Amino acid sequence: MHDADLLARRFEEHRPRLRAVAHRMLGSGSEAEDAVQDTWLRLSRADADGIDNLGGWLTTTVGRVCLDRLRARTARPEQPWDADESEPGPADGEPVDPEREAVLAESVGRALLVVLDTLAPTERFVFVLHDMFAVSFDEIASVVDRSPAAVRQIASRARRRVQLGGPVRETDPARQRQVVEAFLAASREGRFDDLVTLLDPHVVLRADPVGVGLGSRAETRGSAAVAGFFNGRAQAAVPAYVDAAPGAVVVIDGQIRIVLTFIVTDRIIGIEAVADPEHIAALDLVTSDPASR
């Protein structure tokens, strides 16, 4: 009983994030709650001791639950997304949960839901988990049974479709660009405190196998650790757009050696470092620096 209580408490710590993921995926507060509850049932039946990263497991699991529901919704067009529901409130007689209402209000606006609803289920899954919650392409690939490279292309396509839908991103591209440029400047100048300020406390930095071979860790978590890694670096980094997302390229001897992509909300929540030449060649890179082209 003690272990079950401990697992339940740990799950509750992640509930606001899971609800936010599900709400973005499904566009409905009531469906999101159902998906979160389904995720708890799956966790209660799983071998929790074998889960190394509970937060990551829960995020991908609730995403998988929502993906199944989106696919079922597509197969049953008579049950569309509730377009009249923007920020759903409690049912009559149900007590107001301030935390729930705050999460729903902050998580996603109606305009973004409308645009997300134009995406195919897999596109929506990839876009929400990667661009909004910094889940790695490798983790997403295992869910949708695609290669990480294919998932990256799905994300790029979905990102363009969202951008074509209007200025509905939680953080507009200009603001994202400002945050990335400020981060690169603080990195070059060794301003550790400024780096920490620009990073979400739970930021995740991931490097591909080639990057690991160059001295990076495969994964670094937390603002202090990520700031420490970048402090005094980025001397050769040039701001760029990578597959339409804010990023940077590291140019050495006139060649792009590393590509950095940033996932930005109010702060940076995810950074990916790509050093594999074949992957770099497949990316859509736009930079104002002629030497990096």
C-alpha atoms as a PDB file:
ATOM      1  CA  MET A   1       0.000   0.000   0.000  1.00  0.00           C
ATOM      2  CA  HIS A   2       2.869   2.311   0.818  1.00  0.00           C
ATOM      3  CA  ASP A   3       4.409   1.838  -2.649  1.00  0.00           C
ATOM      4  CA  ALA A   4       1.038   2.454  -4.303  1.00  0.00           C
ATOM      5  CA  ASP A   5       0.569   5.652  -2.318  1.00  0.00           C
ATOM      6  CA  LEU A   6       4.056   6.841  -3.244  1.00  0.00           C
ATOM      7  CA  LEU A   7       3.403   6.135  -6.937  1.00  0.00           C
ATOM      8  CA  ALA A   8       0.107   8.015  -6.745  1.00  0.00           C
ATOM      9  CA  ARG A   9       1.815  11.029  -5.177  1.00  0.00           C
ATOM     10  CA  ARG A  10       4.497  11.033  -7.856  1.00  0.00           C
ATOM     11  CA  PHE A  11       1.815  10.843 -10.527  1.00  0.00           C
ATOM     12  CA  GLU A  12      -0.030  13.806  -9.026  1.00  0.00           C
ATOM     13  CA  GLU A  13       3.151  15.875  -9.277  1.00  0.00           C
ATOM     14  CA  HIS A  14       3.053  15.366 -13.046  1.00  0.00           C
ATOM     15  CA  ARG A  15      -0.720  15.743 -13.482  1.00  0.00           C
ATOM     16  CA  PRO A  16      -0.712  19.473 -14.491  1.00  0.00           C
ATOM     17  CA  ARG A  17       1.817  18.801 -17.256  1.00  0.00           C
ATOM     18  CA  LEU A  18      -0.067  15.717 -18.451  1.00  0.00           C
ATOM     19  CA  ARG A  19      -3.337  17.659 -18.502  1.00  0.00           C
ATOM     20  CA  ALA A  20      -1.675  20.403 -20.550  1.00  0.00           C
ATOM     21  CA  VAL A  21      -0.320  17.864 -23.062  1.00  0.00           C
ATOM     22  CA  ALA A  22      -3.692  16.163 -23.390  1.00  0.00           C
ATOM     23  CA  HIS A  23      -5.580  19.450 -23.746  1.00  0.00           C
ATOM     24  CA  ARG A  24      -3.330  20.553 -26.593  1.00  0.00           C
ATOM     25  CA  MET A  25      -3.682  17.171 -28.245  1.00  0.00           C
ATOM     26  CA  LEU A  26      -7.445  16.777 -27.904  1.00  0.00           C
ATOM     27  CA  GLY A  27      -8.769  20.340 -27.621  1.00  0.00           C
ATOM     28  CA  SER A  28     -11.217  19.382 -24.898  1.00  0.00           C
ATOM     29  CA  GLY A  29     -10.870  19.669 -21.142  1.00  0.00           C
ATOM     30  CA  SER A  30     -13.117  16.693 -20.395  1.00  0.00           C
ATOM     31  CA  GLU A  31     -11.344  14.472 -22.928  1.00  0.00           C
ATOM     32  CA  ALA A  32      -8.006  15.605 -21.522  1.00  0.00           C
ATOM     33  CA  GLU A  33      -9.061  14.545 -18.031  1.00  0.00           C
ATOM     34  CA  ASP A  34     -10.116  11.146 -19.379  1.00  0.00           C
ATOM     35  CA  ALA A  35      -6.769  10.721 -21.134  1.00  0.00           C
ATOM     36  CA  VAL A  36      -4.867  11.598 -17.955  1.00  0.00           C
ATOM     37  CA  GLN A  37      -6.923   9.078 -15.995  1.00  0.00           C
ATOM     38  CA  ASP A  38      -6.219   6.451 -18.655  1.00  0.00           C
ATOM     39  CA  THR A  39      -2.519   7.235 -18.283  1.00  0.00           C
ATOM     40  CA  TRP A  40      -2.746   6.652 -14.529  1.00  0.00           C
ATOM     41  CA  LEU A  41      -4.391   3.265 -15.145  1.00  0.00           C
ATOM     42  CA  ARG A  42      -1.554   2.299 -17.485  1.00  0.00           C
ATOM     43  CA  LEU A  43       1.025   3.385 -14.924  1.00  0.00           C
ATOM     44  CA  SER A  44      -0.693   1.436 -12.156  1.00  0.00           C
ATOM     45  CA  ARG A  45      -0.458  -1.705 -14.303  1.00  0.00           C
ATOM     46  CA  ALA A  46       3.157  -1.107 -15.355  1.00  0.00           C
ATOM     47  CA  ASP A  47       6.387  -2.087 -13.621  1.00  0.00           C
ATOM     48  CA  ALA A  48       7.077   1.339 -12.145  1.00  0.00           C
ATOM     49  CA  ASP A  49      10.429   0.216 -10.720  1.00  0.00           C
ATOM     50  CA  GLY A  50      11.641  -0.332 -14.270  1.00  0.00           C
ATOM     51  CA  ILE A  51      10.837   3.231 -15.393  1.00  0.00           C
ATOM     52  CA  ASP A  52      14.006   5.339 -15.248  1.00  0.00           C
ATOM     53  CA  ASN A  53      12.426   8.664 -16.190  1.00  0.00           C
ATOM     54  CA  LEU A  54       8.858   8.758 -14.880  1.00  0.00           C
ATOM     55  CA  GLY A  55       8.112  12.230 -16.277  1.00  0.00           C
ATOM     56  CA  GLY A  56       9.224  11.246 -19.764  1.00  0.00           C
ATOM     57  CA  TRP A  57       7.332   7.953 -19.605  1.00  0.00           C
ATOM     58  CA  LEU A  58       4.141   9.687 -18.529  1.00  0.00           C
ATOM     59  CA  THR A  59       4.434  12.382 -21.199  1.00  0.00           C
ATOM     60  CA  THR A  60       4.877   9.901 -24.039  1.00  0.00           C
ATOM     61  CA  THR A  61       2.170   7.643 -22.620  1.00  0.00           C
ATOM     62  CA  VAL A  62      -0.459  10.368 -22.367  1.00  0.00           C
ATOM     63  CA  GLY A  63       0.568  11.417 -25.871  1.00  0.00           C
ATOM     64  CA  ARG A  64       0.055   7.863 -27.094  1.00  0.00           C
ATOM     65  CA  VAL A  65      -3.370   7.731 -25.427  1.00  0.00           C
ATOM     66  CA  CYS A  66      -4.345  10.994 -27.130  1.00  0.00           C
ATOM     67  CA  LEU A  67      -2.969   9.846 -30.479  1.00  0.00           C
ATOM     68  CA  ASP A  68      -5.171   6.740 -30.313  1.00  0.00           C
ATOM     69  CA  ARG A  69      -8.175   8.946 -29.535  1.00  0.00           C
ATOM     70  CA  LEU A  70      -7.393  11.304 -32.412  1.00  0.00           C
ATOM     71  CA  ARG A  71      -7.113   8.386 -34.814  1.00  0.00           C
ATOM     72  CA  ALA A  72     -10.413   6.989 -33.550  1.00  0.00           C
ATOM     73  CA  ARG A  73     -11.960  10.436 -33.965  1.00  0.00           C
ATOM     74  CA  THR A  74     -10.771  10.500 -37.592  1.00  0.00           C
ATOM     75  CA  ALA A  75     -12.342   7.100 -38.161  1.00  0.00           C
ATOM     76  CA  ARG A  76     -15.613   8.372 -36.648  1.00  0.00           C
ATOM     77  CA  PRO A  77     -16.115  11.822 -38.197  1.00  0.00           C
ATOM     78  CA  GLU A  78     -19.488  12.116 -36.503  1.00  0.00           C
ATOM     79  CA  GLN A  79     -17.544  12.907 -33.280  1.00  0.00           C
ATOM     80  CA  PRO A  80     -15.507  16.010 -34.174  1.00  0.00           C
ATOM     81  CA  TRP A  81     -13.570  18.278 -31.853  1.00  0.00           C
ATOM     82  CA  ASP A  82     -15.896  20.486 -29.851  1.00  0.00           C
ATOM     83  CA  ALA A  83     -15.238  23.734 -31.703  1.00  0.00           C
ATOM     84  CA  ASP A  84     -17.397  25.672 -29.276  1.00  0.00           C
ATOM     85  CA  GLU A  85     -15.175  24.781 -26.366  1.00  0.00           C
ATOM     86  CA  SER A  86     -12.384  27.259 -25.756  1.00  0.00           C
ATOM     87  CA  GLU A  87     -11.326  27.038 -22.142  1.00  0.00           C
ATOM     88  CA  PRO A  88     -13.834  24.602 -20.662  1.00  0.00           C
ATOM     89  CA  GLY A  89     -15.090  25.296 -17.182  1.00  0.00           C
ATOM     90  CA  PRO A  90     -16.486  22.930 -14.600  1.00  0.00           C
ATOM     91  CA  ALA A  91     -19.847  21.274 -15.020  1.00  0.00           C
ATOM     92  CA  ASP A  92     -22.816  22.621 -13.095  1.00  0.00           C
ATOM     93  CA  GLY A  93     -22.409  21.867  -9.425  1.00  0.00           C
ATOM     94  CA  GLU A  94     -18.757  20.790  -9.819  1.00  0.00           C
ATOM     95  CA  PRO A  95     -16.372  22.708  -7.536  1.00  0.00           C
ATOM     96  CA  VAL A  96     -13.869  24.947  -9.279  1.00  0.00           C
ATOM     97  CA  ASP A  97     -10.296  23.672  -9.172  1.00  0.00           C
ATOM     98  CA  PRO A  98      -8.133  26.840  -9.363  1.00  0.00           C
ATOM     99  CA  GLU A  99      -5.049  24.902 -10.428  1.00  0.00           C
ATOM    100  CA  ARG A 100      -6.954  23.192 -13.228  1.00  0.00           C
ATOM    101  CA  GLU A 101      -8.417  26.428 -14.470  1.00  0.00           C
ATOM    102  CA  ALA A 102      -5.048  28.161 -14.361  1.00  0.00           C
ATOM    103  CA  VAL A 103      -3.359  25.373 -16.300  1.00  0.00           C
ATOM    104  CA  LEU A 104      -6.062  25.358 -18.967  1.00  0.00           C
ATOM    105  CA  ALA A 105      -6.002  29.137 -19.274  1.00  0.00           C
ATOM    106  CA  GLU A 106      -2.236  29.251 -19.638  1.00  0.00           C
ATOM    107  CA  SER A 107      -1.763  26.118 -21.685  1.00  0.00           C
ATOM    108  CA  VAL A 108      -3.443  26.905 -24.987  1.00  0.00           C
ATOM    109  CA  GLY A 109      -5.759  29.424 -26.602  1.00  0.00           C
ATOM    110  CA  ARG A 110      -8.691  28.757 -28.867  1.00  0.00           C
ATOM    111  CA  ALA A 111      -6.892  30.052 -31.951  1.00  0.00           C
ATOM    112  CA  LEU A 112      -4.059  27.560 -31.514  1.00  0.00           C
ATOM    113  CA  LEU A 113      -6.517  24.716 -30.957  1.00  0.00           C
ATOM    114  CA  VAL A 114      -8.248  25.584 -34.212  1.00  0.00           C
ATOM    115  CA  VAL A 115      -4.950  25.422 -36.100  1.00  0.00           C
ATOM    116  CA  LEU A 116      -3.809  22.236 -34.359  1.00  0.00           C
ATOM    117  CA  ASP A 117      -7.089  20.638 -35.338  1.00  0.00           C
ATOM    118  CA  THR A 118      -6.094  21.003 -39.005  1.00  0.00           C
ATOM    119  CA  LEU A 119      -3.122  18.686 -38.492  1.00  0.00           C
ATOM    120  CA  ALA A 120      -3.285  14.969 -39.081  1.00  0.00           C
ATOM    121  CA  PRO A 121      -3.148  12.941 -35.841  1.00  0.00           C
ATOM    122  CA  THR A 122       0.525  11.995 -36.198  1.00  0.00           C
ATOM    123  CA  GLU A 123       1.502  15.560 -37.122  1.00  0.00           C
ATOM    124  CA  ARG A 124      -0.337  16.913 -34.118  1.00  0.00           C
ATOM    125  CA  PHE A 125       1.267  14.341 -31.828  1.00  0.00           C
ATOM    126  CA  VAL A 126       4.775  15.128 -33.065  1.00  0.00           C
ATOM    127  CA  PHE A 127       4.280  18.900 -32.998  1.00  0.00           C
ATOM    128  CA  VAL A 128       2.769  19.006 -29.515  1.00  0.00           C
ATOM    129  CA  LEU A 129       5.260  16.664 -27.866  1.00  0.00           C
ATOM    130  CA  HIS A 130       8.388  18.025 -29.534  1.00  0.00           C
ATOM    131  CA  ASP A 131       7.740  21.729 -30.118  1.00  0.00           C
ATOM    132  CA  MET A 132       5.707  22.342 -26.967  1.00  0.00           C
ATOM    133  CA  PHE A 133       7.090  19.828 -24.480  1.00  0.00           C
ATOM    134  CA  ALA A 134      10.655  19.169 -25.698  1.00  0.00           C
ATOM    135  CA  VAL A 135      10.250  15.400 -26.092  1.00  0.00           C
ATOM    136  CA  SER A 136      13.097  14.078 -28.231  1.00  0.00           C
ATOM    137  CA  PHE A 137      12.580  12.811 -31.762  1.00  0.00           C
ATOM    138  CA  ASP A 138      14.003   9.439 -30.687  1.00  0.00           C
ATOM    139  CA  GLU A 139      11.330   9.039 -27.999  1.00  0.00           C
ATOM    140  CA  ILE A 140       8.559  10.125 -30.363  1.00  0.00           C
ATOM    141  CA  ALA A 141       9.809   7.805 -33.106  1.00  0.00           C
ATOM    142  CA  SER A 142       9.284   4.743 -30.928  1.00  0.00           C
ATOM    143  CA  VAL A 143       5.626   5.707 -30.428  1.00  0.00           C
ATOM    144  CA  VAL A 144       4.706   6.396 -34.063  1.00  0.00           C
ATOM    145  CA  ASP A 145       6.914   3.592 -35.455  1.00  0.00           C
ATOM    146  CA  ARG A 146       8.965   5.922 -37.653  1.00  0.00           C
ATOM    147  CA  SER A 147      12.656   6.727 -37.810  1.00  0.00           C
ATOM    148  CA  PRO A 148      13.873   9.821 -35.932  1.00  0.00           C
ATOM    149  CA  ALA A 149      14.719  11.417 -39.291  1.00  0.00           C
ATOM    150  CA  ALA A 150      11.175  10.827 -40.532  1.00  0.00           C
ATOM    151  CA  VAL A 151       9.744  12.258 -37.318  1.00  0.00           C
ATOM    152  CA  ARG A 152      11.901  15.361 -37.757  1.00  0.00           C
ATOM    153  CA  GLN A 153      10.405  15.858 -41.208  1.00  0.00           C
ATOM    154  CA  ILE A 154       6.888  15.411 -39.828  1.00  0.00           C
ATOM    155  CA  ALA A 155       7.649  18.070 -37.213  1.00  0.00           C
ATOM    156  CA  SER A 156       8.952  20.439 -39.870  1.00  0.00           C
ATOM    157  CA  ARG A 157       5.828  19.956 -42.004  1.00  0.00           C
ATOM    158  CA  ALA A 158       3.522  20.422 -39.032  1.00  0.00           C
ATOM    159  CA  ARG A 159       5.413  23.533 -37.909  1.00  0.00           C
ATOM    160  CA  ARG A 160       4.974  25.157 -41.313  1.00  0.00           C
ATOM    161  CA  ARG A 161       1.265  24.353 -41.342  1.00  0.00           C
ATOM    162  CA  VAL A 162       0.838  25.903 -37.913  1.00  0.00           C
ATOM    163  CA  GLN A 163       2.715  29.022 -38.962  1.00  0.00           C
ATOM    164  CA  LEU A 164       0.586  29.347 -42.092  1.00  0.00           C
ATOM    165  CA  GLY A 165      -2.471  29.241 -39.856  1.00  0.00           C
ATOM    166  CA  GLY A 166      -1.673  32.633 -38.370  1.00  0.00           C
ATOM    167  CA  PRO A 167       0.090  34.160 -35.379  1.00  0.00           C
ATOM    168  CA  VAL A 168      -1.195  31.668 -32.841  1.00  0.00           C
ATOM    169  CA  ARG A 169       2.010  30.238 -31.420  1.00  0.00           C
ATOM    170  CA  GLU A 170       2.347  30.705 -27.677  1.00  0.00           C
ATOM    171  CA  THR A 171       5.502  32.718 -28.276  1.00  0.00           C
ATOM    172  CA  ASP A 172       5.751  34.615 -31.551  1.00  0.00           C
ATOM    173  CA  PRO A 173       8.754  33.915 -33.816  1.00  0.00           C
ATOM    174  CA  ALA A 174      10.283  37.348 -33.194  1.00  0.00           C
ATOM    175  CA  ARG A 175      10.266  36.753 -29.436  1.00  0.00           C
ATOM    176  CA  GLN A 176      11.706  33.272 -29.901  1.00  0.00           C
ATOM    177  CA  ARG A 177      14.486  34.722 -32.013  1.00  0.00           C
ATOM    178  CA  GLN A 178      15.248  37.354 -29.359  1.00  0.00           C
ATOM    179  CA  VAL A 179      15.521  34.710 -26.656  1.00  0.00           C
ATOM    180  CA  VAL A 180      17.866  32.576 -28.764  1.00  0.00           C
ATOM    181  CA  GLU A 181      20.086  35.540 -29.675  1.00  0.00           C
ATOM    182  CA  ALA A 182      20.221  36.632 -26.035  1.00  0.00           C
ATOM    183  CA  PHE A 183      21.189  33.095 -25.052  1.00  0.00           C
ATOM    184  CA  LEU A 184      23.977  32.927 -27.632  1.00  0.00           C
ATOM    185  CA  ALA A 185      25.322  36.316 -26.538  1.00  0.00           C
ATOM    186  CA  ALA A 186      25.307  35.293 -22.874  1.00  0.00           C
ATOM    187  CA  SER A 187      27.034  32.044 -23.815  1.00  0.00           C
ATOM    188  CA  ARG A 188      29.799  33.794 -25.759  1.00  0.00           C
ATOM    189  CA  GLU A 189      30.349  36.348 -23.004  1.00  0.00           C
ATOM    190  CA  GLY A 190      30.296  33.850 -20.155  1.00  0.00           C
ATOM    191  CA  ARG A 191      27.323  35.379 -18.338  1.00  0.00           C
ATOM    192  CA  PHE A 192      26.230  32.303 -16.388  1.00  0.00           C
ATOM    193  CA  ASP A 193      23.444  33.999 -14.415  1.00  0.00           C
ATOM    194  CA  ASP A 194      21.885  35.362 -17.605  1.00  0.00           C
ATOM    195  CA  LEU A 195      21.991  31.891 -19.157  1.00  0.00           C
ATOM    196  CA  VAL A 196      20.158  30.443 -16.169  1.00  0.00           C
ATOM    197  CA  THR A 197      17.522  33.188 -16.410  1.00  0.00           C
ATOM    198  CA  LEU A 198      16.865  32.401 -20.070  1.00  0.00           C
ATOM    199  CA  LEU A 199      16.486  28.669 -19.410  1.00  0.00           C
ATOM    200  CA  ASP A 200      13.474  26.898 -17.980  1.00  0.00           C
ATOM    201  CA  PRO A 201      14.413  25.154 -14.704  1.00  0.00           C
ATOM    202  CA  HIS A 202      13.593  21.807 -16.333  1.00  0.00           C
ATOM    203  CA  VAL A 203      15.308  22.474 -19.673  1.00  0.00           C
ATOM    204  CA  VAL A 204      16.711  19.457 -21.532  1.00  0.00           C
ATOM    205  CA  LEU A 205      19.794  19.552 -23.765  1.00  0.00           C
ATOM    206  CA  ARG A 206      20.215  16.575 -26.103  1.00  0.00           C
ATOM    207  CA  ALA A 207      23.082  15.726 -28.442  1.00  0.00           C
ATOM    208  CA  ASP A 208      23.173  13.150 -31.222  1.00  0.00           C
ATOM    209  CA  PRO A 209      25.788  10.338 -31.206  1.00  0.00           C
ATOM    210  CA  VAL A 210      28.236  12.392 -33.286  1.00  0.00           C
ATOM    211  CA  GLY A 211      27.905  15.255 -30.824  1.00  0.00           C
ATOM    212  CA  VAL A 212      28.531  12.843 -27.950  1.00  0.00           C
ATOM    213  CA  GLY A 213      31.700  11.775 -29.735  1.00  0.00           C
ATOM    214  CA  LEU A 214      32.777  15.417 -29.788  1.00  0.00           C
ATOM    215  CA  GLY A 215      32.486  15.673 -26.018  1.00  0.00           C
ATOM    216  CA  SER A 216      28.816  16.405 -25.295  1.00  0.00           C
ATOM    217  CA  ARG A 217      26.627  14.328 -23.028  1.00  0.00           C
ATOM    218  CA  ALA A 218      23.706  12.580 -24.676  1.00  0.00           C
ATOM    219  CA  GLU A 219      21.338  14.370 -22.314  1.00  0.00           C
ATOM    220  CA  THR A 220      21.756  17.183 -19.813  1.00  0.00           C
ATOM    221  CA  ARG A 221      18.874  18.322 -17.612  1.00  0.00           C
ATOM    222  CA  GLY A 222      18.288  21.428 -15.528  1.00  0.00           C
ATOM    223  CA  SER A 223      19.050  25.110 -16.061  1.00  0.00           C
ATOM    224  CA  ALA A 224      22.244  25.150 -13.996  1.00  0.00           C
ATOM    225  CA  ALA A 225      23.758  22.148 -15.762  1.00  0.00           C
ATOM    226  CA  VAL A 226      22.835  23.370 -19.254  1.00  0.00           C
ATOM    227  CA  ALA A 227      24.041  26.905 -18.471  1.00  0.00           C
ATOM    228  CA  GLY A 228      27.315  25.456 -17.205  1.00  0.00           C
ATOM    229  CA  PHE A 229      27.779  23.554 -20.456  1.00  0.00           C
ATOM    230  CA  PHE A 230      27.227  26.637 -22.619  1.00  0.00           C
ATOM    231  CA  ASN A 231      28.975  29.159 -20.386  1.00  0.00           C
ATOM    232  CA  GLY A 232      31.808  30.750 -22.358  1.00  0.00           C
ATOM    233  CA  ARG A 233      31.019  28.783 -25.515  1.00  0.00           C
ATOM    234  CA  ALA A 234      29.070  29.571 -28.712  1.00  0.00           C
ATOM    235  CA  GLN A 235      31.955  31.673 -30.035  1.00  0.00           C
ATOM    236  CA  ALA A 236      31.365  30.316 -33.525  1.00  0.00           C
ATOM    237  CA  ALA A 237      27.565  30.113 -33.305  1.00  0.00           C
ATOM    238  CA  VAL A 238      25.469  32.070 -35.792  1.00  0.00           C
ATOM    239  CA  PRO A 239      21.694  32.576 -35.316  1.00  0.00           C
ATOM    240  CA  ALA A 240      19.643  30.684 -37.900  1.00  0.00           C
ATOM    241  CA  TYR A 241      16.267  29.168 -38.580  1.00  0.00           C
ATOM    242  CA  VAL A 242      16.316  25.365 -38.584  1.00  0.00           C
ATOM    243  CA  ASP A 243      13.308  23.755 -40.238  1.00  0.00           C
ATOM    244  CA  ALA A 244      11.462  27.048 -39.589  1.00  0.00           C
ATOM    245  CA  ALA A 245      12.319  26.981 -35.864  1.00  0.00           C
ATOM    246  CA  PRO A 246      14.739  29.353 -34.084  1.00  0.00           C
ATOM    247  CA  GLY A 247      18.226  27.951 -33.827  1.00  0.00           C
ATOM    248  CA  ALA A 248      21.902  28.444 -34.544  1.00  0.00           C
ATOM    249  CA  VAL A 249      24.701  26.928 -36.579  1.00  0.00           C
ATOM    250  CA  VAL A 250      28.267  26.485 -35.395  1.00  0.00           C
ATOM    251  CA  VAL A 251      30.591  27.370 -38.264  1.00  0.00           C
ATOM    252  CA  ILE A 252      34.228  26.212 -38.235  1.00  0.00           C
ATOM    253  CA  ASP A 253      36.548  26.809 -41.202  1.00  0.00           C
ATOM    254  CA  GLY A 254      33.565  27.865 -43.285  1.00  0.00           C
ATOM    255  CA  GLN A 255      31.668  24.640 -42.663  1.00  0.00           C
ATOM    256  CA  ILE A 256      28.611  24.005 -40.511  1.00  0.00           C
ATOM    257  CA  ARG A 257      29.751  21.524 -37.889  1.00  0.00           C
ATOM    258  CA  ILE A 258      26.873  21.647 -35.395  1.00  0.00           C
ATOM    259  CA  VAL A 259      23.249  22.749 -35.650  1.00  0.00           C
ATOM    260  CA  LEU A 260      21.385  23.842 -32.516  1.00  0.00           C
ATOM    261  CA  THR A 261      17.594  23.987 -32.354  1.00  0.00           C
ATOM    262  CA  PHE A 262      15.790  25.701 -29.496  1.00  0.00           C
ATOM    263  CA  ILE A 263      12.281  25.097 -28.198  1.00  0.00           C
ATOM    264  CA  VAL A 264      11.099  28.370 -26.680  1.00  0.00           C
ATOM    265  CA  THR A 265       7.991  29.288 -24.733  1.00  0.00           C
ATOM    266  CA  ASP A 266       8.602  32.124 -22.290  1.00  0.00           C
ATOM    267  CA  ARG A 267      12.044  30.596 -21.752  1.00  0.00           C
ATOM    268  CA  ILE A 268      14.083  27.891 -23.448  1.00  0.00           C
ATOM    269  CA  ILE A 269      12.701  24.466 -22.551  1.00  0.00           C
ATOM    270  CA  GLY A 270      14.692  22.315 -24.976  1.00  0.00           C
ATOM    271  CA  ILE A 271      17.895  22.394 -27.027  1.00  0.00           C
ATOM    272  CA  GLU A 272      18.978  19.798 -29.568  1.00  0.00           C
ATOM    273  CA  ALA A 273      22.513  19.584 -30.952  1.00  0.00           C
ATOM    274  CA  VAL A 274      22.900  17.883 -34.331  1.00  0.00           C
ATOM    275  CA  ALA A 275      26.440  17.089 -35.456  1.00  0.00           C
ATOM    276  CA  ASP A 276      25.838  14.219 -37.865  1.00  0.00           C
ATOM    277  CA  PRO A 277      26.782  15.594 -41.334  1.00  0.00           C
ATOM    278  CA  GLU A 278      24.054  13.582 -43.060  1.00  0.00           C
ATOM    279  CA  HIS A 279      21.390  14.906 -40.704  1.00  0.00           C
ATOM    280  CA  ILE A 280      22.711  18.445 -41.086  1.00  0.00           C
ATOM    281  CA  ALA A 281      22.519  18.142 -44.874  1.00  0.00           C
ATOM    282  CA  ALA A 282      18.842  17.152 -44.611  1.00  0.00           C
ATOM    283  CA  LEU A 283      17.896  20.198 -42.530  1.00  0.00           C
ATOM    284  CA  ASP A 284      16.342  23.343 -43.954  1.00  0.00           C
ATOM    285  CA  LEU A 285      18.745  26.038 -42.744  1.00  0.00           C
ATOM    286  CA  VAL A 286      18.275  29.790 -43.178  1.00  0.00           C
ATOM    287  CA  THR A 287      20.954  32.128 -41.870  1.00  0.00           C
ATOM    288  CA  SER A 288      22.034  35.651 -42.694  1.00  0.00           C
ATOM    289  CA  ASP A 289      25.721  34.750 -42.485  1.00  0.00           C
ATOM    290  CA  PRO A 290      27.045  33.965 -46.003  1.00  0.00           C
ATOM    291  CA  ALA A 291      29.981  32.015 -44.574  1.00  0.00           C
ATOM    292  CA  SER A 292      27.613  29.457 -43.074  1.00  0.00           C
ATOM    293  CA  ARG A 293      25.827  28.644 -46.294  1.00  0.00           C
END
